[in-house]
Amino acid sequence: MAWTVVDELRADGAQVNLVTCPELPAQLSATRRCTLVSDFGVFGVTVWVSRVLGTDAEFDITVDRRPSGD
């Protein structure tokens, strides 16, 4: 995907150092759990494919409200 999870979160104003995600196939409703690292802690992130356009996919992202381990 040309537009990554990090790009999307930073575009929304989030402070993100690193996001690690398994490969997300361009299949409608495909979902992956990822890990976000920021200066505020380590957070879980859910990423899912909301729309498929040929070989490109649009995805939605939800960051957990609390850091992992809290």
N, C-alpha and C. Protein backbone atom coordinates (compact mmCIF):
# COMPACT_ATOMS: atom_id res chain seq x y z
N MET A 1 0.84 -1.18 0.00
CA MET A 1 0.00 0.00 0.00
C MET A 1 0.88 1.23 0.00
N ALA A 2 0.59 2.14 -0.89
CA ALA A 2 1.38 3.36 -0.96
C ALA A 2 1.14 4.25 0.25
N TRP A 3 -0.08 4.27 0.73
CA TRP A 3 -0.43 5.10 1.89
C TRP A 3 -0.40 4.19 3.10
N THR A 4 0.55 4.40 4.00
CA THR A 4 0.74 3.48 5.12
C THR A 4 -0.02 3.92 6.36
N VAL A 5 -0.07 3.04 7.33
CA VAL A 5 -0.71 3.34 8.61
C VAL A 5 -0.03 4.54 9.26
N VAL A 6 1.29 4.59 9.24
CA VAL A 6 2.02 5.72 9.83
C VAL A 6 1.63 7.02 9.14
N ASP A 7 1.58 7.02 7.81
CA ASP A 7 1.19 8.22 7.07
C ASP A 7 -0.20 8.70 7.46
N GLU A 8 -1.12 7.77 7.54
CA GLU A 8 -2.50 8.10 7.88
C GLU A 8 -2.60 8.70 9.28
N LEU A 9 -1.95 8.07 10.24
CA LEU A 9 -2.01 8.57 11.62
C LEU A 9 -1.33 9.93 11.75
N ARG A 10 -0.19 10.10 11.10
CA ARG A 10 0.49 11.40 11.14
C ARG A 10 -0.34 12.48 10.47
N ALA A 11 -1.04 12.14 9.39
CA ALA A 11 -1.90 13.11 8.72
C ALA A 11 -3.03 13.58 9.64
N ASP A 12 -3.44 12.70 10.55
CA ASP A 12 -4.48 13.05 11.53
C ASP A 12 -3.91 13.76 12.75
N GLY A 13 -2.59 14.02 12.75
CA GLY A 13 -1.96 14.77 13.84
C GLY A 13 -1.40 13.92 14.96
N ALA A 14 -1.41 12.61 14.80
CA ALA A 14 -0.88 11.74 15.85
C ALA A 14 0.65 11.76 15.86
N GLN A 15 1.22 11.65 17.05
CA GLN A 15 2.67 11.56 17.21
C GLN A 15 3.02 10.07 17.16
N VAL A 16 3.65 9.64 16.09
CA VAL A 16 3.94 8.23 15.86
C VAL A 16 5.42 8.05 15.56
N ASN A 17 6.08 7.18 16.30
CA ASN A 17 7.48 6.86 16.02
C ASN A 17 7.59 5.66 15.09
N LEU A 18 6.74 4.65 15.31
CA LEU A 18 6.84 3.39 14.58
C LEU A 18 5.51 2.65 14.65
N VAL A 19 5.13 2.00 13.57
CA VAL A 19 4.00 1.08 13.56
C VAL A 19 4.46 -0.21 12.91
N THR A 20 4.21 -1.33 13.56
CA THR A 20 4.51 -2.63 12.97
C THR A 20 3.19 -3.35 12.74
N CYS A 21 3.03 -3.86 11.52
CA CYS A 21 1.81 -4.55 11.11
C CYS A 21 2.17 -5.75 10.24
N PRO A 22 1.42 -6.85 10.40
CA PRO A 22 1.55 -7.92 9.42
C PRO A 22 0.95 -7.46 8.10
N GLU A 23 1.29 -8.12 7.02
CA GLU A 23 0.77 -7.78 5.69
C GLU A 23 -0.75 -7.82 5.71
N LEU A 24 -1.37 -6.84 5.10
CA LEU A 24 -2.82 -6.75 5.02
C LEU A 24 -3.25 -6.96 3.57
N PRO A 25 -3.94 -8.07 3.28
CA PRO A 25 -4.34 -8.32 1.89
C PRO A 25 -5.41 -7.33 1.45
N ALA A 26 -5.46 -7.03 0.17
CA ALA A 26 -6.46 -6.12 -0.39
C ALA A 26 -7.77 -6.86 -0.60
N GLN A 27 -8.34 -7.32 0.51
CA GLN A 27 -9.62 -8.03 0.50
C GLN A 27 -10.56 -7.32 1.45
N LEU A 28 -11.77 -7.03 1.00
CA LEU A 28 -12.76 -6.34 1.81
C LEU A 28 -12.91 -7.01 3.17
N SER A 29 -12.85 -6.22 4.21
CA SER A 29 -13.01 -6.63 5.61
C SER A 29 -11.80 -7.35 6.20
N ALA A 30 -10.72 -7.50 5.44
CA ALA A 30 -9.51 -8.09 6.02
C ALA A 30 -9.07 -7.20 7.19
N THR A 31 -8.65 -7.82 8.29
CA THR A 31 -8.31 -7.08 9.51
C THR A 31 -6.98 -7.57 10.06
N ARG A 32 -6.20 -6.64 10.61
CA ARG A 32 -4.95 -6.98 11.27
C ARG A 32 -4.81 -6.15 12.54
N ARG A 33 -4.15 -6.74 13.54
CA ARG A 33 -3.79 -6.00 14.75
C ARG A 33 -2.34 -5.59 14.59
N CYS A 34 -2.06 -4.34 14.91
CA CYS A 34 -0.74 -3.77 14.76
C CYS A 34 -0.29 -3.18 16.09
N THR A 35 0.95 -2.74 16.13
CA THR A 35 1.51 -2.11 17.32
C THR A 35 2.05 -0.74 16.94
N LEU A 36 1.66 0.28 17.70
CA LEU A 36 2.10 1.65 17.50
C LEU A 36 3.00 2.05 18.66
N VAL A 37 4.15 2.63 18.36
CA VAL A 37 5.07 3.12 19.38
C VAL A 37 5.14 4.64 19.25
N SER A 38 4.89 5.34 20.37
CA SER A 38 4.99 6.80 20.39
C SER A 38 5.68 7.20 21.70
N ASP A 39 5.90 8.48 21.86
CA ASP A 39 6.48 8.97 23.11
C ASP A 39 5.52 8.78 24.28
N PHE A 40 4.25 8.49 24.00
CA PHE A 40 3.23 8.32 25.03
C PHE A 40 3.03 6.86 25.43
N GLY A 41 3.71 5.94 24.76
CA GLY A 41 3.60 4.53 25.09
C GLY A 41 3.44 3.66 23.87
N VAL A 42 3.12 2.40 24.12
CA VAL A 42 2.90 1.41 23.07
C VAL A 42 1.40 1.12 23.06
N PHE A 43 0.78 1.24 21.87
CA PHE A 43 -0.66 1.08 21.73
C PHE A 43 -0.97 -0.01 20.71
N GLY A 44 -2.07 -0.70 20.92
CA GLY A 44 -2.59 -1.61 19.93
C GLY A 44 -3.35 -0.81 18.88
N VAL A 45 -3.35 -1.29 17.65
CA VAL A 45 -4.04 -0.64 16.54
C VAL A 45 -4.75 -1.71 15.73
N THR A 46 -5.99 -1.44 15.37
CA THR A 46 -6.73 -2.33 14.48
C THR A 46 -6.84 -1.65 13.12
N VAL A 47 -6.45 -2.36 12.07
CA VAL A 47 -6.52 -1.86 10.70
C VAL A 47 -7.38 -2.83 9.90
N TRP A 48 -8.36 -2.29 9.14
CA TRP A 48 -9.17 -3.16 8.31
C TRP A 48 -9.45 -2.51 6.97
N VAL A 49 -9.61 -3.35 5.97
CA VAL A 49 -9.87 -2.89 4.61
C VAL A 49 -11.35 -2.53 4.50
N SER A 50 -11.62 -1.27 4.15
CA SER A 50 -12.99 -0.79 4.06
C SER A 50 -13.49 -0.69 2.61
N ARG A 51 -12.54 -0.69 1.66
CA ARG A 51 -12.92 -0.58 0.25
C ARG A 51 -11.79 -1.09 -0.62
N VAL A 52 -12.12 -1.81 -1.67
CA VAL A 52 -11.11 -2.32 -2.60
C VAL A 52 -11.40 -1.73 -3.97
N LEU A 53 -10.36 -1.14 -4.58
CA LEU A 53 -10.47 -0.54 -5.90
C LEU A 53 -9.40 -1.16 -6.78
N GLY A 54 -9.75 -2.21 -7.48
CA GLY A 54 -8.76 -2.92 -8.29
C GLY A 54 -7.73 -3.58 -7.39
N THR A 55 -6.47 -3.18 -7.54
CA THR A 55 -5.41 -3.73 -6.69
C THR A 55 -5.10 -2.83 -5.50
N ASP A 56 -5.80 -1.69 -5.39
CA ASP A 56 -5.61 -0.78 -4.27
C ASP A 56 -6.69 -1.00 -3.22
N ALA A 57 -6.35 -0.71 -1.98
CA ALA A 57 -7.31 -0.85 -0.90
C ALA A 57 -7.32 0.41 -0.05
N GLU A 58 -8.50 0.79 0.39
CA GLU A 58 -8.64 1.85 1.39
C GLU A 58 -8.83 1.14 2.72
N PHE A 59 -8.27 1.72 3.78
CA PHE A 59 -8.39 1.07 5.06
C PHE A 59 -8.74 2.06 6.15
N ASP A 60 -9.34 1.54 7.22
CA ASP A 60 -9.69 2.32 8.41
C ASP A 60 -8.79 1.87 9.54
N ILE A 61 -8.53 2.80 10.45
CA ILE A 61 -7.59 2.56 11.55
C ILE A 61 -8.25 2.98 12.85
N THR A 62 -8.14 2.13 13.88
CA THR A 62 -8.58 2.48 15.22
C THR A 62 -7.44 2.20 16.19
N VAL A 63 -7.02 3.24 16.90
CA VAL A 63 -5.96 3.11 17.90
C VAL A 63 -6.62 2.88 19.25
N ASP A 64 -6.11 1.92 20.02
CA ASP A 64 -6.63 1.68 21.36
C ASP A 64 -6.52 2.96 22.19
N ARG A 65 -7.47 3.18 23.09
CA ARG A 65 -7.50 4.39 23.90
C ARG A 65 -6.40 4.43 24.95
N ARG A 66 -5.94 3.28 25.38
CA ARG A 66 -4.92 3.22 26.43
C ARG A 66 -3.71 2.44 25.94
N PRO A 67 -2.54 2.80 26.46
CA PRO A 67 -1.33 2.05 26.08
C PRO A 67 -1.44 0.59 26.53
N SER A 68 -0.74 -0.28 25.85
CA SER A 68 -0.68 -1.71 26.22
C SER A 68 -0.12 -1.81 27.63
N GLY A 69 -0.68 -2.71 28.40
CA GLY A 69 -0.19 -2.93 29.75
C GLY A 69 -0.86 -2.08 30.79
N ASP A 70 -1.72 -1.14 30.39
CA ASP A 70 -2.44 -0.31 31.38
C ASP A 70 -3.74 -0.96 31.77
